C-alpha cells in the first residue's frame, strides 16, 4: 500500500522543519560531509546513522535534499 502523496501544507511544513534542522546542524556540528558522490541520484536508499545521540537527524538532513522518511 503506497502512502498518500504529501499535500501542499505538509510539503511546506516539511520544508520549514528541514530548513531549521539543517541550520541547527550547521551551527552545532560544523564540518565537511564527505562521500556525497556515493548517494544515488534516483531510487530508494537507506541512510543508517549510528544513533550515538539524539541529533542524528540534524546531520542526516544535511546529507540529501530529498525528502527523508
PDB file of N, CA and C in Angstrom:
ATOM      1  N   UNK A   1       0.842  -1.166   0.000  1.00  0.00           N
ATOM      2  CA  UNK A   1       0.000   0.000   0.000  1.00  0.00           C
ATOM      3  C   UNK A   1       0.895   1.238   0.000  1.00  0.00           C
ATOM      4  N   UNK A   2       0.794   2.048  -1.013  1.00  0.00           N
ATOM      5  CA  UNK A   2       1.567   3.279  -1.109  1.00  0.00           C
ATOM      6  C   UNK A   2       0.952   4.361  -0.232  1.00  0.00           C
ATOM      7  N   UNK A   3       1.787   5.129   0.453  1.00  0.00           N
ATOM      8  CA  UNK A   3       1.236   6.244   1.238  1.00  0.00           C
ATOM      9  C   UNK A   3       0.680   7.317   0.309  1.00  0.00           C
ATOM     10  N   UNK A   4      -0.249   8.073   0.826  1.00  0.00           N
ATOM     11  CA  UNK A   4      -0.830   9.164   0.041  1.00  0.00           C
ATOM     12  C   UNK A   4       0.242  10.206  -0.251  1.00  0.00           C
ATOM     13  N   UNK A   5       0.216  10.812  -1.424  1.00  0.00           N
ATOM     14  CA  UNK A   5       1.207  11.850  -1.721  1.00  0.00           C
ATOM     15  C   UNK A   5       1.047  13.025  -0.764  1.00  0.00           C
ATOM     16  N   UNK A   6       2.144  13.688  -0.437  1.00  0.00           N
ATOM     17  CA  UNK A   6       2.048  14.800   0.517  1.00  0.00           C
ATOM     18  C   UNK A   6       1.249  15.962  -0.061  1.00  0.00           C
ATOM     19  N   UNK A   7       0.485  16.575   0.793  1.00  0.00           N
ATOM     20  CA  UNK A   7      -0.286  17.750   0.378  1.00  0.00           C
ATOM     21  C   UNK A   7       0.627  18.973   0.379  1.00  0.00           C
ATOM     22  N   UNK A   8       0.127  20.075  -0.135  1.00  0.00           N
ATOM     23  CA  UNK A   8       0.914  21.301  -0.191  1.00  0.00           C
ATOM     24  C   UNK A   8       1.301  21.771   1.210  1.00  0.00           C
ATOM     25  N   UNK A   9       0.382  21.668   2.151  1.00  0.00           N
ATOM     26  CA  UNK A   9       0.665  22.129   3.509  1.00  0.00           C
ATOM     27  C   UNK A   9       1.701  21.234   4.196  1.00  0.00           C
ATOM     28  N   UNK A  10       1.650  19.909   3.970  1.00  0.00           N
ATOM     29  CA  UNK A  10       2.656  19.040   4.579  1.00  0.00           C
ATOM     30  C   UNK A  10       4.020  19.245   3.947  1.00  0.00           C
ATOM     31  N   UNK A  11       4.071  19.524   2.643  1.00  0.00           N
ATOM     32  CA  UNK A  11       5.354  19.827   1.996  1.00  0.00           C
ATOM     33  C   UNK A  11       5.933  21.127   2.535  1.00  0.00           C
ATOM     34  N   UNK A  12       5.091  22.112   2.770  1.00  0.00           N
ATOM     35  CA  UNK A  12       5.540  23.388   3.320  1.00  0.00           C
ATOM     36  C   UNK A  12       6.062  23.200   4.743  1.00  0.00           C
ATOM     37  N   UNK A  13       5.335  22.461   5.565  1.00  0.00           N
ATOM     38  CA  UNK A  13       5.768  22.190   6.932  1.00  0.00           C
ATOM     39  C   UNK A  13       7.095  21.429   6.937  1.00  0.00           C
ATOM     40  N   UNK A  14       7.217  20.438   6.073  1.00  0.00           N
ATOM     41  CA  UNK A  14       8.462  19.678   5.979  1.00  0.00           C
ATOM     42  C   UNK A  14       9.612  20.599   5.581  1.00  0.00           C
ATOM     43  N   UNK A  15       9.393  21.481   4.620  1.00  0.00           N
ATOM     44  CA  UNK A  15      10.439  22.398   4.164  1.00  0.00           C
ATOM     45  C   UNK A  15      10.896  23.329   5.285  1.00  0.00           C
ATOM     46  N   UNK A  16       9.959  23.842   6.045  1.00  0.00           N
ATOM     47  CA  UNK A  16      10.297  24.737   7.160  1.00  0.00           C
ATOM     48  C   UNK A  16      11.083  23.974   8.230  1.00  0.00           C
ATOM     49  N   UNK A  17      10.616  22.786   8.592  1.00  0.00           N
ATOM     50  CA  UNK A  17      11.308  21.982   9.606  1.00  0.00           C
ATOM     51  C   UNK A  17      12.697  21.567   9.134  1.00  0.00           C
ATOM     52  N   UNK A  18      12.823  21.217   7.849  1.00  0.00           N
ATOM     53  CA  UNK A  18      14.124  20.836   7.306  1.00  0.00           C
ATOM     54  C   UNK A  18      15.074  22.030   7.316  1.00  0.00           C
ATOM     55  N   UNK A  19      14.577  23.206   6.968  1.00  0.00           N
ATOM     56  CA  UNK A  19      15.392  24.422   6.987  1.00  0.00           C
ATOM     57  C   UNK A  19      15.950  24.670   8.388  1.00  0.00           C
ATOM     58  N   UNK A  20      15.101  24.514   9.391  1.00  0.00           N
ATOM     59  CA  UNK A  20      15.529  24.705  10.779  1.00  0.00           C
ATOM     60  C   UNK A  20      16.536  23.626  11.179  1.00  0.00           C
ATOM     61  N   UNK A  21      16.262  22.367  10.818  1.00  0.00           N
ATOM     62  CA  UNK A  21      17.153  21.260  11.176  1.00  0.00           C
ATOM     63  C   UNK A  21      18.528  21.419  10.546  1.00  0.00           C
ATOM     64  N   UNK A  22      18.576  21.790   9.272  1.00  0.00           N
ATOM     65  CA  UNK A  22      19.868  21.968   8.604  1.00  0.00           C
ATOM     66  C   UNK A  22      20.607  23.163   9.199  1.00  0.00           C
ATOM     67  N   UNK A  23      19.904  24.236   9.505  1.00  0.00           N
ATOM     68  CA  UNK A  23      20.536  25.391  10.135  1.00  0.00           C
ATOM     69  C   UNK A  23      21.131  25.045  11.484  1.00  0.00           C
ATOM     70  N   UNK A  24      20.378  24.319  12.308  1.00  0.00           N
ATOM     71  CA  UNK A  24      20.897  23.882  13.607  1.00  0.00           C
ATOM     72  C   UNK A  24      22.092  22.960  13.447  1.00  0.00           C
ATOM     73  N   UNK A  25      22.011  22.082  12.473  1.00  0.00           N
ATOM     74  CA  UNK A  25      23.112  21.156  12.225  1.00  0.00           C
ATOM     75  C   UNK A  25      24.386  21.891  11.853  1.00  0.00           C
ATOM     76  N   UNK A  26      24.264  22.899  11.028  1.00  0.00           N
ATOM     77  CA  UNK A  26      25.450  23.667  10.623  1.00  0.00           C
ATOM     78  C   UNK A  26      26.032  24.462  11.781  1.00  0.00           C
ATOM     79  N   UNK A  27      25.185  24.906  12.704  1.00  0.00           N
ATOM     80  CA  UNK A  27      25.678  25.657  13.863  1.00  0.00           C
ATOM     81  C   UNK A  27      26.276  24.737  14.923  1.00  0.00           C
ATOM     82  N   UNK A  28      25.598  23.612  15.215  1.00  0.00           N
ATOM     83  CA  UNK A  28      26.018  22.734  16.294  1.00  0.00           C
ATOM     84  C   UNK A  28      27.123  21.760  15.895  1.00  0.00           C
ATOM     85  N   UNK A  29      27.117  21.338  14.647  1.00  0.00           N
ATOM     86  CA  UNK A  29      28.068  20.318  14.180  1.00  0.00           C
ATOM     87  C   UNK A  29      28.726  20.772  12.884  1.00  0.00           C
ATOM     88  N   UNK A  30      29.507  21.841  12.928  1.00  0.00           N
ATOM     89  CA  UNK A  30      30.130  22.292  11.683  1.00  0.00           C
ATOM     90  C   UNK A  30      31.150  21.272  11.212  1.00  0.00           C
ATOM     91  N   UNK A  31      31.357  21.232   9.934  1.00  0.00           N
ATOM     92  CA  UNK A  31      32.329  20.306   9.384  1.00  0.00           C
ATOM     93  C   UNK A  31      31.982  19.958   7.965  1.00  0.00           C
ATOM     94  N   UNK A  32      32.827  19.144   7.384  1.00  0.00           N
ATOM     95  CA  UNK A  32      32.669  18.732   5.995  1.00  0.00           C
ATOM     96  C   UNK A  32      32.050  17.342   5.964  1.00  0.00           C
ATOM     97  N   UNK A  33      31.099  17.161   5.084  1.00  0.00           N
ATOM     98  CA  UNK A  33      30.497  15.853   4.885  1.00  0.00           C
ATOM     99  C   UNK A  33      31.102  15.286   3.613  1.00  0.00           C
ATOM    100  N   UNK A  34      31.755  14.152   3.718  1.00  0.00           N
ATOM    101  CA  UNK A  34      32.402  13.549   2.550  1.00  0.00           C
ATOM    102  C   UNK A  34      31.616  12.333   2.082  1.00  0.00           C
ATOM    103  N   UNK A  35      31.811  11.963   0.838  1.00  0.00           N
ATOM    104  CA  UNK A  35      31.167  10.782   0.281  1.00  0.00           C
ATOM    105  C   UNK A  35      29.809  11.035  -0.338  1.00  0.00           C
ATOM    106  N   UNK A  36      29.427  12.299  -0.507  1.00  0.00           N
ATOM    107  CA  UNK A  36      28.108  12.598  -1.082  1.00  0.00           C
ATOM    108  C   UNK A  36      27.970  12.094  -2.509  1.00  0.00           C
ATOM    109  N   UNK A  37      29.101  11.920  -3.194  1.00  0.00           N
ATOM    110  CA  UNK A  37      29.053  11.437  -4.575  1.00  0.00           C
ATOM    111  C   UNK A  37      28.594   9.980  -4.646  1.00  0.00           C
ATOM    112  N   UNK A  38      28.580   9.281  -3.528  1.00  0.00           N
ATOM    113  CA  UNK A  38      28.166   7.879  -3.499  1.00  0.00           C
ATOM    114  C   UNK A  38      26.652   7.695  -3.381  1.00  0.00           C
ATOM    115  N   UNK A  39      25.929   8.774  -3.094  1.00  0.00           N
ATOM    116  CA  UNK A  39      24.472   8.673  -2.989  1.00  0.00           C
ATOM    117  C   UNK A  39      23.864   8.597  -4.381  1.00  0.00           C
ATOM    118  N   UNK A  40      22.892   7.697  -4.582  1.00  0.00           N
ATOM    119  CA  UNK A  40      22.259   7.602  -5.897  1.00  0.00           C
ATOM    120  C   UNK A  40      21.409   8.834  -6.203  1.00  0.00           C
ATOM    121  N   UNK A  41      21.352   9.197  -7.481  1.00  0.00           N
ATOM    122  CA  UNK A  41      20.561  10.356  -7.916  1.00  0.00           C
ATOM    123  C   UNK A  41      19.061  10.069  -7.838  1.00  0.00           C
ATOM    124  N   UNK A  42      18.677   8.821  -8.051  1.00  0.00           N
ATOM    125  CA  UNK A  42      17.258   8.465  -8.007  1.00  0.00           C
ATOM    126  C   UNK A  42      17.111   7.096  -7.364  1.00  0.00           C
ATOM    127  N   UNK A  43      15.889   6.756  -7.034  1.00  0.00           N
ATOM    128  CA  UNK A  43      15.625   5.477  -6.396  1.00  0.00           C
ATOM    129  C   UNK A  43      15.786   5.555  -4.886  1.00  0.00           C
ATOM    130  N   UNK A  44      15.339   4.522  -4.248  1.00  0.00           N
ATOM    131  CA  UNK A  44      15.380   4.475  -2.782  1.00  0.00           C
ATOM    132  C   UNK A  44      16.752   4.040  -2.291  1.00  0.00           C
ATOM    133  N   UNK A  45      17.125   4.525  -1.116  1.00  0.00           N
ATOM    134  CA  UNK A  45      18.332   4.069  -0.444  1.00  0.00           C
ATOM    135  C   UNK A  45      18.162   4.294   1.048  1.00  0.00           C
ATOM    136  N   UNK A  46      19.013   3.649   1.830  1.00  0.00           N
ATOM    137  CA  UNK A  46      18.919   3.713   3.289  1.00  0.00           C
ATOM    138  C   UNK A  46      20.112   4.486   3.824  1.00  0.00           C
ATOM    139  N   UNK A  47      19.849   5.445   4.686  1.00  0.00           N
ATOM    140  CA  UNK A  47      20.880   6.138   5.439  1.00  0.00           C
ATOM    141  C   UNK A  47      20.718   5.661   6.879  1.00  0.00           C
ATOM    142  N   UNK A  48      21.759   5.038   7.412  1.00  0.00           N
ATOM    143  CA  UNK A  48      21.671   4.443   8.747  1.00  0.00           C
ATOM    144  C   UNK A  48      22.652   5.115   9.698  1.00  0.00           C
ATOM    145  N   UNK A  49      22.214   6.170  10.407  1.00  0.00           N
ATOM    146  CA  UNK A  49      23.108   6.790  11.386  1.00  0.00           C
ATOM    147  C   UNK A  49      23.330   5.850  12.570  1.00  0.00           C
ATOM    148  N   UNK A  50      24.375   6.095  13.309  1.00  0.00           N
ATOM    149  CA  UNK A  50      24.759   5.205  14.407  1.00  0.00           C
ATOM    150  C   UNK A  50      23.929   5.393  15.669  1.00  0.00           C
ATOM    151  N   UNK A  51      23.121   6.426  15.732  1.00  0.00           N
ATOM    152  CA  UNK A  51      22.284   6.726  16.898  1.00  0.00           C
ATOM    153  C   UNK A  51      23.110   6.889  18.170  1.00  0.00           C
ATOM    154  N   UNK A  52      24.205   7.597  18.045  1.00  0.00           N
ATOM    155  CA  UNK A  52      25.031   7.869  19.224  1.00  0.00           C
ATOM    156  C   UNK A  52      24.432   8.993  20.067  1.00  0.00           C
ATOM    157  N   UNK A  53      23.554   9.770  19.472  1.00  0.00           N
ATOM    158  CA  UNK A  53      22.896  10.839  20.210  1.00  0.00           C
ATOM    159  C   UNK A  53      21.572  11.153  19.521  1.00  0.00           C
ATOM    160  N   UNK A  54      20.836  12.080  20.080  1.00  0.00           N
ATOM    161  CA  UNK A  54      19.540  12.449  19.520  1.00  0.00           C
ATOM    162  C   UNK A  54      19.649  13.517  18.440  1.00  0.00           C
ATOM    163  N   UNK A  55      20.848  13.873  18.032  1.00  0.00           N
ATOM    164  CA  UNK A  55      20.997  14.875  16.975  1.00  0.00           C
ATOM    165  C   UNK A  55      21.320  14.241  15.625  1.00  0.00           C
ATOM    166  N   UNK A  56      21.207  12.925  15.523  1.00  0.00           N
ATOM    167  CA  UNK A  56      21.485  12.249  14.257  1.00  0.00           C
ATOM    168  C   UNK A  56      20.639  12.801  13.112  1.00  0.00           C
ATOM    169  N   UNK A  57      19.381  13.086  13.378  1.00  0.00           N
ATOM    170  CA  UNK A  57      18.501  13.571  12.316  1.00  0.00           C
ATOM    171  C   UNK A  57      18.972  14.912  11.778  1.00  0.00           C
ATOM    172  N   UNK A  58      19.633  15.730  12.607  1.00  0.00           N
ATOM    173  CA  UNK A  58      20.152  17.019  12.132  1.00  0.00           C
ATOM    174  C   UNK A  58      21.257  16.812  11.102  1.00  0.00           C
ATOM    175  N   UNK A  59      22.115  15.860  11.370  1.00  0.00           N
ATOM    176  CA  UNK A  59      23.219  15.594  10.454  1.00  0.00           C
ATOM    177  C   UNK A  59      22.705  14.914   9.193  1.00  0.00           C
ATOM    178  N   UNK A  60      21.792  13.982   9.329  1.00  0.00           N
ATOM    179  CA  UNK A  60      21.237  13.283   8.163  1.00  0.00           C
ATOM    180  C   UNK A  60      20.498  14.264   7.259  1.00  0.00           C
ATOM    181  N   UNK A  61      19.852  15.267   7.809  1.00  0.00           N
ATOM    182  CA  UNK A  61      19.131  16.247   6.987  1.00  0.00           C
ATOM    183  C   UNK A  61      20.082  17.023   6.082  1.00  0.00           C
ATOM    184  N   UNK A  62      21.357  17.166   6.485  1.00  0.00           N
ATOM    185  CA  UNK A  62      22.330  17.872   5.659  1.00  0.00           C
ATOM    186  C   UNK A  62      22.813  17.038   4.480  1.00  0.00           C
ATOM    187  N   UNK A  63      22.664  15.739   4.541  1.00  0.00           N
ATOM    188  CA  UNK A  63      23.247  14.858   3.539  1.00  0.00           C
ATOM    189  C   UNK A  63      22.523  14.950   2.202  1.00  0.00           C
ATOM    190  N   UNK A  64      21.219  15.021   2.208  1.00  0.00           N
ATOM    191  CA  UNK A  64      20.460  14.973   0.963  1.00  0.00           C
ATOM    192  C   UNK A  64      19.349  16.014   0.967  1.00  0.00           C
ATOM    193  N   UNK A  65      18.991  16.469  -0.211  1.00  0.00           N
ATOM    194  CA  UNK A  65      17.867  17.401  -0.336  1.00  0.00           C
ATOM    195  C   UNK A  65      16.552  16.657  -0.557  1.00  0.00           C
ATOM    196  N   UNK A  66      16.633  15.349  -0.737  1.00  0.00           N
ATOM    197  CA  UNK A  66      15.430  14.561  -0.923  1.00  0.00           C
ATOM    198  C   UNK A  66      14.678  14.421   0.385  1.00  0.00           C
ATOM    199  N   UNK A  67      13.398  14.185   0.285  1.00  0.00           N
ATOM    200  CA  UNK A  67      12.551  14.071   1.483  1.00  0.00           C
ATOM    201  C   UNK A  67      12.905  12.795   2.245  1.00  0.00           C
ATOM    202  N   UNK A  68      13.146  12.948   3.536  1.00  0.00           N
ATOM    203  CA  UNK A  68      13.504  11.815   4.381  1.00  0.00           C
ATOM    204  C   UNK A  68      12.258  11.224   5.002  1.00  0.00           C
ATOM    205  N   UNK A  69      12.273   9.916   5.150  1.00  0.00           N
ATOM    206  CA  UNK A  69      11.148   9.226   5.783  1.00  0.00           C
ATOM    207  C   UNK A  69      11.685   8.223   6.764  1.00  0.00           C
TER     208      UNK A  69
END
